[in-house]
N, C-alpha and C. Protein backbone atom coordinates (compact mmCIF):
# COMPACT_ATOMS: atom_id res chain seq x y z
N MET A 1 205.57 -5.29 14.98
CA MET A 1 206.37 -5.66 16.15
C MET A 1 207.31 -6.81 15.76
N SER A 2 208.62 -6.68 16.06
CA SER A 2 209.59 -7.71 15.71
C SER A 2 209.44 -8.92 16.62
N LEU A 3 209.88 -10.06 16.11
CA LEU A 3 209.79 -11.30 16.87
C LEU A 3 211.07 -11.52 17.68
N THR A 4 210.94 -12.11 18.85
CA THR A 4 212.11 -12.55 19.61
C THR A 4 212.66 -13.80 18.93
N SER A 5 213.87 -14.20 19.32
CA SER A 5 214.46 -15.42 18.77
C SER A 5 213.57 -16.62 19.02
N ALA A 6 213.00 -16.68 20.22
CA ALA A 6 212.13 -17.80 20.57
C ALA A 6 210.88 -17.82 19.70
N GLU A 7 210.28 -16.65 19.47
CA GLU A 7 209.08 -16.57 18.66
C GLU A 7 209.37 -16.88 17.20
N LEU A 8 210.51 -16.40 16.71
CA LEU A 8 210.87 -16.61 15.31
C LEU A 8 211.09 -18.08 15.00
N ILE A 9 211.88 -18.76 15.81
CA ILE A 9 212.16 -20.16 15.51
C ILE A 9 210.95 -21.04 15.78
N ALA A 10 210.12 -20.65 16.76
CA ALA A 10 208.88 -21.40 17.00
C ALA A 10 207.95 -21.29 15.80
N TYR A 11 207.89 -20.10 15.20
CA TYR A 11 207.06 -19.90 14.01
C TYR A 11 207.55 -20.75 12.85
N GLU A 12 208.85 -20.72 12.60
CA GLU A 12 209.38 -21.46 11.45
C GLU A 12 209.30 -22.97 11.67
N ARG A 13 209.44 -23.40 12.92
CA ARG A 13 209.28 -24.83 13.22
C ARG A 13 207.83 -25.25 12.99
N ALA A 14 206.90 -24.41 13.40
CA ALA A 14 205.48 -24.71 13.17
C ALA A 14 205.18 -24.80 11.68
N GLU A 15 205.83 -23.96 10.89
CA GLU A 15 205.66 -24.02 9.44
C GLU A 15 206.21 -25.35 8.90
N MET A 16 207.35 -25.78 9.43
CA MET A 16 207.93 -27.05 8.99
C MET A 16 206.97 -28.20 9.30
N VAL A 17 206.40 -28.18 10.48
CA VAL A 17 205.45 -29.23 10.88
C VAL A 17 204.20 -29.17 10.01
N ARG A 18 203.71 -27.98 9.76
CA ARG A 18 202.50 -27.83 8.93
C ARG A 18 202.73 -28.37 7.53
N VAL A 19 203.83 -27.99 6.93
CA VAL A 19 204.12 -28.43 5.57
C VAL A 19 204.22 -29.95 5.49
N LEU A 20 204.88 -30.56 6.45
CA LEU A 20 205.00 -32.02 6.45
C LEU A 20 203.67 -32.70 6.77
N ARG A 21 202.88 -32.10 7.65
CA ARG A 21 201.57 -32.69 7.99
C ARG A 21 200.65 -32.69 6.76
N GLU A 22 200.75 -31.66 5.95
CA GLU A 22 199.91 -31.55 4.76
C GLU A 22 200.44 -32.38 3.60
N SER A 23 201.54 -33.08 3.79
CA SER A 23 202.17 -33.86 2.73
C SER A 23 201.97 -35.35 2.96
N ASP A 24 201.83 -36.09 1.87
CA ASP A 24 201.85 -37.54 1.96
C ASP A 24 203.27 -37.99 2.26
N PRO A 25 203.48 -39.08 2.99
CA PRO A 25 204.84 -39.53 3.25
C PRO A 25 205.68 -39.73 1.99
N SER A 26 205.01 -40.05 0.87
CA SER A 26 205.74 -40.28 -0.38
C SER A 26 205.81 -39.05 -1.27
N ALA A 27 205.42 -37.90 -0.74
CA ALA A 27 205.46 -36.66 -1.53
C ALA A 27 206.90 -36.35 -1.95
N PRO A 28 207.09 -35.82 -3.15
CA PRO A 28 208.44 -35.52 -3.62
C PRO A 28 209.04 -34.32 -2.90
N THR A 29 210.34 -34.20 -2.93
CA THR A 29 211.04 -33.02 -2.42
C THR A 29 212.10 -32.62 -3.45
N LEU A 30 212.72 -31.48 -3.23
CA LEU A 30 213.80 -31.05 -4.10
C LEU A 30 215.12 -31.74 -3.79
N CYS A 31 215.16 -32.50 -2.70
CA CYS A 31 216.37 -33.26 -2.34
C CYS A 31 216.36 -34.59 -3.10
N GLU A 32 217.31 -34.77 -3.96
CA GLU A 32 217.35 -35.96 -4.81
C GLU A 32 217.30 -37.24 -3.99
N GLY A 33 216.34 -38.11 -4.33
CA GLY A 33 216.21 -39.40 -3.65
C GLY A 33 215.40 -39.35 -2.38
N TRP A 34 214.98 -38.17 -1.97
CA TRP A 34 214.22 -38.03 -0.73
C TRP A 34 212.75 -37.73 -1.01
N GLU A 35 211.88 -38.40 -0.25
CA GLU A 35 210.47 -38.05 -0.18
C GLU A 35 210.23 -37.35 1.16
N ALA A 36 209.00 -36.93 1.39
CA ALA A 36 208.70 -36.23 2.65
C ALA A 36 209.09 -37.05 3.87
N ARG A 37 208.94 -38.37 3.79
CA ARG A 37 209.27 -39.24 4.92
C ARG A 37 210.78 -39.21 5.22
N HIS A 38 211.62 -39.08 4.19
CA HIS A 38 213.06 -38.95 4.42
C HIS A 38 213.38 -37.62 5.09
N MET A 39 212.67 -36.58 4.66
CA MET A 39 212.88 -35.27 5.25
C MET A 39 212.54 -35.29 6.73
N LEU A 40 211.41 -35.89 7.07
CA LEU A 40 211.01 -35.98 8.46
C LEU A 40 212.01 -36.82 9.26
N ALA A 41 212.45 -37.92 8.70
CA ALA A 41 213.45 -38.76 9.39
C ALA A 41 214.71 -37.96 9.67
N HIS A 42 215.16 -37.22 8.68
CA HIS A 42 216.36 -36.40 8.82
C HIS A 42 216.19 -35.37 9.93
N LEU A 43 215.08 -34.65 9.93
CA LEU A 43 214.85 -33.61 10.92
C LEU A 43 214.76 -34.19 12.33
N LEU A 44 214.04 -35.30 12.47
CA LEU A 44 213.86 -35.92 13.78
C LEU A 44 215.19 -36.42 14.33
N LEU A 45 215.96 -37.11 13.52
CA LEU A 45 217.24 -37.65 13.98
C LEU A 45 218.26 -36.54 14.22
N ARG A 46 218.23 -35.52 13.39
CA ARG A 46 219.20 -34.42 13.52
C ARG A 46 219.09 -33.71 14.86
N GLU A 47 217.87 -33.63 15.41
CA GLU A 47 217.68 -32.91 16.67
C GLU A 47 217.54 -33.83 17.88
N SER A 48 217.76 -35.12 17.66
CA SER A 48 217.66 -36.03 18.80
C SER A 48 218.91 -36.88 18.98
N SER A 49 219.83 -36.84 18.01
CA SER A 49 221.05 -37.65 18.09
C SER A 49 222.26 -36.80 17.71
N VAL A 50 223.18 -36.61 18.64
CA VAL A 50 224.38 -35.81 18.38
C VAL A 50 225.24 -36.47 17.31
N SER A 51 225.39 -37.79 17.37
CA SER A 51 226.24 -38.48 16.40
C SER A 51 225.63 -38.41 15.00
N TYR A 52 224.29 -38.45 14.92
CA TYR A 52 223.64 -38.30 13.62
C TYR A 52 223.91 -36.91 13.06
N ALA A 53 223.72 -35.90 13.89
CA ALA A 53 223.93 -34.52 13.45
C ALA A 53 225.36 -34.31 12.96
N ALA A 54 226.32 -34.96 13.63
CA ALA A 54 227.71 -34.82 13.23
C ALA A 54 227.96 -35.40 11.84
N GLY A 55 227.18 -36.39 11.47
CA GLY A 55 227.37 -37.04 10.18
C GLY A 55 226.66 -36.36 9.03
N VAL A 56 225.84 -35.35 9.32
CA VAL A 56 225.11 -34.65 8.26
C VAL A 56 226.06 -34.00 7.27
N VAL A 57 227.19 -33.52 7.75
CA VAL A 57 228.14 -32.84 6.87
C VAL A 57 229.09 -33.82 6.19
N GLY A 58 228.87 -35.12 6.37
CA GLY A 58 229.72 -36.11 5.73
C GLY A 58 230.79 -36.61 6.69
N GLY A 59 231.95 -36.93 6.15
CA GLY A 59 233.04 -37.43 6.98
C GLY A 59 232.82 -38.86 7.42
N PRO A 60 233.55 -39.32 8.46
CA PRO A 60 233.47 -40.71 8.91
C PRO A 60 232.07 -41.17 9.30
N LEU A 61 231.25 -40.25 9.80
CA LEU A 61 229.91 -40.63 10.25
C LEU A 61 228.85 -40.46 9.16
N GLY A 62 229.25 -40.00 7.99
CA GLY A 62 228.29 -39.73 6.93
C GLY A 62 227.50 -40.94 6.47
N ALA A 63 228.19 -42.06 6.28
CA ALA A 63 227.51 -43.27 5.80
C ALA A 63 226.50 -43.77 6.83
N ARG A 64 226.86 -43.68 8.10
CA ARG A 64 225.94 -44.10 9.17
C ARG A 64 224.71 -43.21 9.18
N THR A 65 224.93 -41.92 9.03
CA THR A 65 223.81 -40.97 9.01
C THR A 65 222.86 -41.28 7.87
N ASP A 66 223.39 -41.54 6.69
CA ASP A 66 222.56 -41.89 5.53
C ASP A 66 221.76 -43.17 5.80
N ARG A 67 222.42 -44.16 6.40
CA ARG A 67 221.75 -45.44 6.68
C ARG A 67 220.61 -45.26 7.68
N LEU A 68 220.85 -44.49 8.72
CA LEU A 68 219.82 -44.26 9.72
C LEU A 68 218.63 -43.50 9.13
N THR A 69 218.91 -42.56 8.25
CA THR A 69 217.83 -41.82 7.60
C THR A 69 216.96 -42.77 6.79
N ASP A 70 217.60 -43.62 5.98
CA ASP A 70 216.86 -44.54 5.13
C ASP A 70 216.06 -45.55 5.96
N GLU A 71 216.66 -46.04 7.05
CA GLU A 71 215.96 -47.03 7.88
C GLU A 71 214.71 -46.43 8.52
N LEU A 72 214.83 -45.22 9.05
CA LEU A 72 213.66 -44.60 9.66
C LEU A 72 212.63 -44.21 8.61
N ALA A 73 213.10 -43.71 7.48
CA ALA A 73 212.18 -43.32 6.41
C ALA A 73 211.35 -44.50 5.92
N GLU A 74 211.95 -45.68 5.92
CA GLU A 74 211.20 -46.87 5.50
C GLU A 74 210.01 -47.11 6.43
N LYS A 75 210.22 -46.94 7.73
CA LYS A 75 209.12 -47.11 8.69
C LYS A 75 208.06 -46.02 8.51
N LEU A 76 208.50 -44.82 8.13
CA LEU A 76 207.59 -43.69 8.04
C LEU A 76 206.76 -43.70 6.75
N ALA A 77 206.92 -44.71 5.93
CA ALA A 77 206.05 -44.86 4.76
C ALA A 77 204.62 -45.13 5.21
N ASN A 78 204.48 -45.67 6.42
CA ASN A 78 203.16 -45.88 7.03
C ASN A 78 202.68 -44.55 7.61
N ARG A 79 201.46 -44.14 7.23
CA ARG A 79 200.98 -42.81 7.63
C ARG A 79 200.89 -42.65 9.13
N SER A 80 200.45 -43.67 9.84
CA SER A 80 200.34 -43.53 11.29
C SER A 80 201.71 -43.37 11.93
N GLU A 81 202.72 -44.09 11.42
CA GLU A 81 204.08 -43.94 11.92
C GLU A 81 204.62 -42.54 11.58
N TYR A 82 204.30 -42.08 10.41
CA TYR A 82 204.71 -40.75 9.96
C TYR A 82 204.14 -39.67 10.87
N ASP A 83 202.84 -39.77 11.16
CA ASP A 83 202.19 -38.78 12.02
C ASP A 83 202.76 -38.81 13.43
N ALA A 84 203.05 -40.00 13.93
CA ALA A 84 203.63 -40.12 15.27
C ALA A 84 205.02 -39.49 15.32
N ALA A 85 205.81 -39.73 14.27
CA ALA A 85 207.15 -39.15 14.20
C ALA A 85 207.08 -37.63 14.09
N LEU A 86 206.10 -37.14 13.37
CA LEU A 86 205.94 -35.69 13.23
C LEU A 86 205.58 -35.06 14.58
N ALA A 87 204.72 -35.71 15.33
CA ALA A 87 204.37 -35.22 16.67
C ALA A 87 205.60 -35.25 17.58
N GLN A 88 206.41 -36.30 17.44
CA GLN A 88 207.62 -36.40 18.25
C GLN A 88 208.59 -35.27 17.91
N PHE A 89 208.77 -35.00 16.61
CA PHE A 89 209.64 -33.90 16.19
C PHE A 89 209.16 -32.57 16.77
N ALA A 90 207.86 -32.34 16.69
CA ALA A 90 207.30 -31.07 17.17
C ALA A 90 207.54 -30.86 18.66
N SER A 91 207.63 -31.95 19.42
CA SER A 91 207.75 -31.83 20.88
C SER A 91 209.17 -32.07 21.40
N LEU A 92 210.13 -32.24 20.51
CA LEU A 92 211.51 -32.46 20.95
C LEU A 92 212.02 -31.28 21.78
N PRO A 93 212.88 -31.53 22.78
CA PRO A 93 213.48 -30.42 23.53
C PRO A 93 214.65 -29.79 22.78
N GLY A 94 215.20 -30.53 21.80
CA GLY A 94 216.40 -30.06 21.12
C GLY A 94 217.64 -30.43 21.90
N HIS A 95 218.80 -30.33 21.25
CA HIS A 95 220.05 -30.64 21.94
C HIS A 95 220.24 -29.70 23.13
N LEU A 96 220.58 -30.27 24.28
CA LEU A 96 220.78 -29.51 25.52
C LEU A 96 219.55 -28.68 25.88
N LYS A 97 218.39 -29.20 25.46
CA LYS A 97 217.10 -28.53 25.73
C LYS A 97 217.11 -27.09 25.21
N MET A 98 217.77 -26.89 24.05
CA MET A 98 217.93 -25.52 23.56
C MET A 98 216.62 -24.87 23.14
N ARG A 99 215.60 -25.67 22.81
CA ARG A 99 214.34 -25.05 22.38
C ARG A 99 213.75 -24.16 23.46
N SER A 100 213.92 -24.55 24.70
CA SER A 100 213.39 -23.74 25.80
C SER A 100 214.46 -22.92 26.51
N ARG A 101 215.68 -23.46 26.58
CA ARG A 101 216.71 -22.80 27.37
C ARG A 101 217.56 -21.81 26.57
N LYS A 102 217.77 -22.10 25.28
CA LYS A 102 218.65 -21.26 24.47
C LYS A 102 218.02 -21.00 23.10
N PRO A 103 216.95 -20.20 23.08
CA PRO A 103 216.25 -19.96 21.82
C PRO A 103 217.11 -19.28 20.76
N ALA A 104 218.07 -18.45 21.18
CA ALA A 104 218.94 -17.80 20.20
C ALA A 104 219.80 -18.84 19.49
N ALA A 105 220.31 -19.82 20.24
CA ALA A 105 221.09 -20.90 19.64
C ALA A 105 220.20 -21.77 18.76
N ASP A 106 219.00 -22.01 19.21
CA ASP A 106 218.02 -22.77 18.43
C ASP A 106 217.76 -22.09 17.09
N ALA A 107 217.55 -20.77 17.12
CA ALA A 107 217.30 -20.02 15.89
C ALA A 107 218.52 -20.04 14.98
N ALA A 108 219.72 -19.91 15.56
CA ALA A 108 220.94 -19.91 14.76
C ALA A 108 221.14 -21.26 14.08
N MET A 109 220.81 -22.33 14.76
CA MET A 109 221.02 -23.68 14.24
C MET A 109 219.94 -24.09 13.25
N ASN A 110 218.71 -23.61 13.43
CA ASN A 110 217.59 -24.22 12.72
C ASN A 110 216.79 -23.33 11.78
N THR A 111 216.92 -22.02 11.83
CA THR A 111 216.11 -21.17 10.96
C THR A 111 216.36 -21.48 9.49
N ILE A 112 217.60 -21.50 9.09
CA ILE A 112 217.94 -21.80 7.70
C ILE A 112 217.54 -23.23 7.34
N GLU A 113 217.78 -24.15 8.26
CA GLU A 113 217.44 -25.56 8.03
C GLU A 113 215.94 -25.71 7.73
N TYR A 114 215.12 -25.13 8.56
CA TYR A 114 213.67 -25.26 8.38
C TYR A 114 213.20 -24.54 7.12
N PHE A 115 213.72 -23.35 6.89
CA PHE A 115 213.29 -22.60 5.71
C PHE A 115 213.58 -23.39 4.43
N VAL A 116 214.81 -23.84 4.29
CA VAL A 116 215.20 -24.56 3.06
C VAL A 116 214.37 -25.83 2.90
N HIS A 117 214.20 -26.58 3.98
CA HIS A 117 213.48 -27.86 3.85
C HIS A 117 211.98 -27.66 3.67
N CYS A 118 211.42 -26.60 4.23
CA CYS A 118 210.01 -26.28 3.91
C CYS A 118 209.86 -26.08 2.41
N GLU A 119 210.77 -25.29 1.85
CA GLU A 119 210.69 -25.01 0.42
C GLU A 119 211.01 -26.24 -0.42
N ASP A 120 211.86 -27.13 0.10
CA ASP A 120 212.14 -28.38 -0.61
C ASP A 120 210.86 -29.18 -0.84
N VAL A 121 209.98 -29.15 0.14
CA VAL A 121 208.73 -29.91 0.04
C VAL A 121 207.70 -29.13 -0.80
N VAL A 122 207.53 -27.86 -0.49
CA VAL A 122 206.50 -27.06 -1.15
C VAL A 122 206.79 -26.90 -2.64
N ARG A 123 208.02 -26.58 -2.99
CA ARG A 123 208.34 -26.26 -4.39
C ARG A 123 208.52 -27.48 -5.27
N ALA A 124 208.56 -28.64 -4.65
CA ALA A 124 208.63 -29.87 -5.45
C ALA A 124 207.26 -30.25 -6.00
N ASP A 125 206.21 -29.63 -5.50
CA ASP A 125 204.84 -29.93 -5.91
C ASP A 125 204.24 -28.68 -6.55
N SER A 126 204.08 -28.70 -7.87
CA SER A 126 203.59 -27.52 -8.59
C SER A 126 202.16 -27.16 -8.21
N ALA A 127 201.43 -28.09 -7.60
CA ALA A 127 200.04 -27.82 -7.21
C ALA A 127 199.94 -27.03 -5.91
N ARG A 128 201.03 -26.96 -5.16
CA ARG A 128 200.99 -26.25 -3.88
C ARG A 128 201.28 -24.77 -4.09
N LYS A 129 200.62 -23.95 -3.30
CA LYS A 129 200.86 -22.52 -3.35
C LYS A 129 202.16 -22.20 -2.63
N PRO A 130 202.99 -21.32 -3.21
CA PRO A 130 204.23 -20.94 -2.55
C PRO A 130 203.95 -20.28 -1.20
N ARG A 131 204.85 -20.48 -0.25
CA ARG A 131 204.71 -19.82 1.04
C ARG A 131 205.06 -18.34 0.90
N VAL A 132 204.40 -17.51 1.67
CA VAL A 132 204.77 -16.09 1.77
C VAL A 132 205.44 -15.93 3.13
N GLU A 133 206.76 -15.79 3.11
CA GLU A 133 207.52 -15.80 4.36
C GLU A 133 207.41 -14.47 5.09
N ARG A 134 207.40 -14.55 6.41
CA ARG A 134 207.33 -13.34 7.24
C ARG A 134 208.58 -12.50 7.08
N ARG A 135 208.41 -11.21 7.16
CA ARG A 135 209.52 -10.27 7.04
C ARG A 135 210.61 -10.58 8.06
N GLU A 136 210.22 -10.89 9.28
CA GLU A 136 211.21 -11.16 10.33
C GLU A 136 212.09 -12.36 9.99
N VAL A 137 211.50 -13.37 9.35
CA VAL A 137 212.29 -14.54 8.96
C VAL A 137 213.25 -14.17 7.85
N GLN A 138 212.77 -13.38 6.88
CA GLN A 138 213.65 -12.93 5.80
C GLN A 138 214.82 -12.12 6.36
N GLU A 139 214.54 -11.28 7.34
CA GLU A 139 215.61 -10.47 7.94
C GLU A 139 216.62 -11.35 8.67
N LYS A 140 216.15 -12.39 9.33
CA LYS A 140 217.05 -13.32 10.02
C LYS A 140 217.92 -14.07 9.00
N ILE A 141 217.32 -14.50 7.90
CA ILE A 141 218.07 -15.18 6.85
C ILE A 141 219.13 -14.25 6.27
N TRP A 142 218.76 -13.00 6.03
CA TRP A 142 219.70 -12.04 5.46
C TRP A 142 220.87 -11.80 6.43
N ALA A 143 220.58 -11.65 7.71
CA ALA A 143 221.64 -11.46 8.70
C ALA A 143 222.57 -12.67 8.73
N ASP A 144 222.00 -13.87 8.66
CA ASP A 144 222.82 -15.08 8.68
C ASP A 144 223.67 -15.19 7.42
N LEU A 145 223.09 -14.83 6.27
CA LEU A 145 223.85 -14.88 5.02
C LEU A 145 225.04 -13.92 5.07
N ILE A 146 224.81 -12.73 5.59
CA ILE A 146 225.89 -11.75 5.67
C ILE A 146 227.04 -12.30 6.51
N LYS A 147 226.71 -13.00 7.60
CA LYS A 147 227.75 -13.54 8.49
C LYS A 147 228.44 -14.77 7.92
N ARG A 148 227.68 -15.63 7.23
CA ARG A 148 228.20 -16.96 6.90
C ARG A 148 228.52 -17.20 5.43
N ALA A 149 228.06 -16.33 4.55
CA ALA A 149 228.14 -16.63 3.11
C ALA A 149 229.57 -16.88 2.65
N ARG A 150 230.52 -16.08 3.11
CA ARG A 150 231.90 -16.25 2.65
C ARG A 150 232.45 -17.62 3.04
N ILE A 151 232.20 -18.01 4.27
CA ILE A 151 232.71 -19.31 4.75
C ILE A 151 232.01 -20.46 4.03
N MET A 152 230.69 -20.34 3.84
CA MET A 152 229.90 -21.44 3.30
C MET A 152 229.99 -21.55 1.78
N PHE A 153 230.09 -20.41 1.09
CA PHE A 153 229.97 -20.44 -0.36
C PHE A 153 231.12 -19.78 -1.11
N GLY A 154 232.06 -19.18 -0.39
CA GLY A 154 233.13 -18.43 -1.03
C GLY A 154 233.94 -19.23 -2.04
N ARG A 155 234.20 -20.48 -1.75
CA ARG A 155 235.01 -21.31 -2.66
C ARG A 155 234.31 -21.58 -3.99
N SER A 156 232.99 -21.48 -4.00
CA SER A 156 232.24 -21.74 -5.23
C SER A 156 232.19 -20.52 -6.14
N PHE A 157 232.64 -19.36 -5.62
CA PHE A 157 232.59 -18.12 -6.40
C PHE A 157 233.94 -17.41 -6.31
N LYS A 158 234.97 -18.07 -6.81
CA LYS A 158 236.33 -17.54 -6.68
C LYS A 158 236.53 -16.26 -7.48
N ASN A 159 235.68 -16.04 -8.49
CA ASN A 159 235.79 -14.82 -9.29
C ASN A 159 234.96 -13.67 -8.74
N GLY A 160 234.39 -13.89 -7.57
CA GLY A 160 233.65 -12.81 -6.91
C GLY A 160 232.18 -13.11 -6.74
N LEU A 161 231.61 -12.65 -5.64
CA LEU A 161 230.19 -12.85 -5.36
C LEU A 161 229.63 -11.64 -4.61
N ILE A 162 228.56 -11.08 -5.15
CA ILE A 162 227.86 -9.98 -4.51
C ILE A 162 226.41 -10.40 -4.31
N LEU A 163 225.89 -10.21 -3.12
CA LEU A 163 224.49 -10.50 -2.83
C LEU A 163 223.73 -9.19 -2.69
N GLU A 164 222.58 -9.13 -3.33
CA GLU A 164 221.72 -7.95 -3.23
C GLU A 164 220.34 -8.38 -2.73
N ALA A 165 219.83 -7.64 -1.75
CA ALA A 165 218.49 -7.90 -1.20
C ALA A 165 217.75 -6.57 -1.13
N PRO A 166 217.16 -6.13 -2.25
CA PRO A 166 216.45 -4.86 -2.27
C PRO A 166 215.38 -4.78 -1.18
N GLY A 167 215.38 -3.65 -0.46
CA GLY A 167 214.40 -3.48 0.60
C GLY A 167 214.90 -3.89 1.97
N TYR A 168 216.11 -4.45 2.03
CA TYR A 168 216.69 -4.88 3.30
C TYR A 168 217.96 -4.07 3.58
N SER A 169 218.46 -4.16 4.80
CA SER A 169 219.64 -3.40 5.17
C SER A 169 220.74 -4.34 5.66
N PRO A 170 221.94 -4.23 5.07
CA PRO A 170 222.28 -3.41 3.92
C PRO A 170 221.68 -3.98 2.63
N VAL A 171 221.57 -3.15 1.61
CA VAL A 171 220.97 -3.61 0.35
C VAL A 171 221.87 -4.61 -0.36
N ALA A 172 223.18 -4.42 -0.27
CA ALA A 172 224.13 -5.29 -0.98
C ALA A 172 225.33 -5.60 -0.10
N VAL A 173 225.89 -6.79 -0.32
CA VAL A 173 227.07 -7.22 0.43
C VAL A 173 228.04 -7.89 -0.55
N THR A 174 229.29 -7.48 -0.51
CA THR A 174 230.32 -8.15 -1.30
C THR A 174 230.85 -9.31 -0.48
N VAL A 175 230.50 -10.52 -0.90
CA VAL A 175 230.92 -11.72 -0.17
C VAL A 175 232.35 -12.08 -0.54
N VAL A 176 232.65 -12.06 -1.84
CA VAL A 176 234.00 -12.32 -2.34
C VAL A 176 234.32 -11.22 -3.35
N ALA A 177 235.34 -10.45 -3.08
CA ALA A 177 235.74 -9.39 -4.01
C ALA A 177 236.33 -10.01 -5.27
N PRO A 178 235.96 -9.53 -6.45
CA PRO A 178 236.48 -10.12 -7.69
C PRO A 178 237.96 -9.82 -7.88
N PRO A 179 238.75 -10.80 -8.30
CA PRO A 179 240.16 -10.55 -8.61
C PRO A 179 240.26 -9.60 -9.80
N ALA A 180 241.40 -9.00 -9.97
CA ALA A 180 241.61 -8.08 -11.09
C ALA A 180 241.30 -8.78 -12.42
N GLY A 181 240.53 -8.10 -13.26
CA GLY A 181 240.19 -8.64 -14.56
C GLY A 181 238.97 -9.53 -14.58
N HIS A 182 238.32 -9.71 -13.43
CA HIS A 182 237.12 -10.56 -13.35
C HIS A 182 235.92 -9.74 -12.88
N VAL A 183 234.74 -10.22 -13.25
CA VAL A 183 233.49 -9.57 -12.85
C VAL A 183 232.76 -10.52 -11.89
N ALA A 184 232.37 -10.01 -10.76
CA ALA A 184 231.71 -10.83 -9.75
C ALA A 184 230.32 -11.25 -10.20
N THR A 185 229.91 -12.45 -9.78
CA THR A 185 228.52 -12.89 -9.94
C THR A 185 227.66 -12.10 -8.97
N VAL A 186 226.55 -11.56 -9.46
CA VAL A 186 225.63 -10.80 -8.61
C VAL A 186 224.32 -11.56 -8.51
N LEU A 187 223.92 -11.90 -7.30
CA LEU A 187 222.64 -12.56 -7.04
C LEU A 187 221.73 -11.54 -6.36
N SER A 188 220.54 -11.34 -6.91
CA SER A 188 219.63 -10.33 -6.40
C SER A 188 218.24 -10.90 -6.18
N GLY A 189 217.69 -10.68 -4.98
CA GLY A 189 216.35 -11.16 -4.69
C GLY A 189 216.06 -11.13 -3.20
N GLU A 190 214.93 -11.70 -2.83
CA GLU A 190 214.60 -11.84 -1.41
C GLU A 190 215.65 -12.73 -0.74
N PRO A 191 215.98 -12.46 0.52
CA PRO A 191 217.00 -13.28 1.19
C PRO A 191 216.75 -14.78 1.10
N GLY A 192 215.50 -15.20 1.27
CA GLY A 192 215.20 -16.62 1.19
C GLY A 192 215.49 -17.21 -0.17
N GLU A 193 215.26 -16.44 -1.24
CA GLU A 193 215.54 -16.91 -2.59
C GLU A 193 217.04 -17.01 -2.82
N LEU A 194 217.79 -16.04 -2.30
CA LEU A 194 219.25 -16.11 -2.39
C LEU A 194 219.76 -17.36 -1.69
N LEU A 195 219.19 -17.63 -0.53
CA LEU A 195 219.60 -18.80 0.25
C LEU A 195 219.35 -20.09 -0.53
N LEU A 196 218.17 -20.21 -1.12
CA LEU A 196 217.85 -21.41 -1.89
C LEU A 196 218.83 -21.59 -3.05
N TYR A 197 219.14 -20.50 -3.74
CA TYR A 197 220.08 -20.59 -4.86
C TYR A 197 221.45 -21.07 -4.37
N LEU A 198 221.93 -20.48 -3.30
CA LEU A 198 223.24 -20.84 -2.79
C LEU A 198 223.29 -22.26 -2.24
N PHE A 199 222.15 -22.78 -1.81
CA PHE A 199 222.08 -24.14 -1.32
C PHE A 199 221.79 -25.15 -2.44
N GLY A 200 221.96 -24.74 -3.68
CA GLY A 200 221.86 -25.67 -4.79
C GLY A 200 220.47 -25.85 -5.37
N ARG A 201 219.52 -24.99 -4.96
CA ARG A 201 218.16 -25.06 -5.51
C ARG A 201 217.99 -23.99 -6.58
N GLU A 202 218.94 -23.92 -7.51
CA GLU A 202 218.97 -22.84 -8.49
C GLU A 202 217.69 -22.74 -9.31
N GLU A 203 217.18 -23.88 -9.76
CA GLU A 203 216.00 -23.86 -10.61
C GLU A 203 214.74 -23.44 -9.86
N ALA A 204 214.70 -23.67 -8.57
CA ALA A 204 213.52 -23.33 -7.77
C ALA A 204 213.57 -21.89 -7.26
N ALA A 205 214.76 -21.32 -7.16
CA ALA A 205 214.91 -19.98 -6.60
C ALA A 205 214.38 -18.92 -7.57
N GLN A 206 213.64 -17.98 -7.04
CA GLN A 206 213.05 -16.92 -7.85
C GLN A 206 213.82 -15.63 -7.61
N MET A 207 214.89 -15.45 -8.37
CA MET A 207 215.75 -14.27 -8.20
C MET A 207 216.54 -14.06 -9.48
N LYS A 208 217.36 -13.03 -9.50
CA LYS A 208 218.13 -12.66 -10.70
C LYS A 208 219.60 -12.99 -10.51
N VAL A 209 220.21 -13.44 -11.58
CA VAL A 209 221.66 -13.71 -11.60
C VAL A 209 222.28 -12.88 -12.72
N SER A 210 223.31 -12.16 -12.39
CA SER A 210 224.00 -11.37 -13.41
C SER A 210 225.50 -11.38 -13.17
């Protein structure tokens, strides 16, 4: 049985909370300079402050966003503060109360965010077992990649980019058609692995490049 948008994002958010709860505040992540406490600070502020969220992509508010992340992360080095912040994140209503009122928007905004950051924490620790992601989440990631890949990653693959996800529909998508005389880069694997590679986690992604 397929999941609704509300069920899908609730599942992935619960996974994010579980992964962080099982981590020490100083646990490493794949995000350079960030420990688990920085990740939690980022997630909490991103969904509770509009101005913080605006600065995530850089620009005039970028420096402020970085400063706020570091300031909160410093407090979260204390385990009790970390646990309290995690509980607060889990119970947030989201911007415009989207967690309850607009689950489709919640899923569009946060599915990729939670998936990538869960893996940032899990894959930074070789002692942890890799997550086995639900089929429905992989399908949502694949649908999002098909819609957004050209806008998000097209400039990085000017000689062409083809994504392949065996077992999913469609099996392959041409994101950027190769110019005459060039051969497109082909990335093949589970949608989540393709996503990690495209988000700069090349060494952690388990997929094929040709």
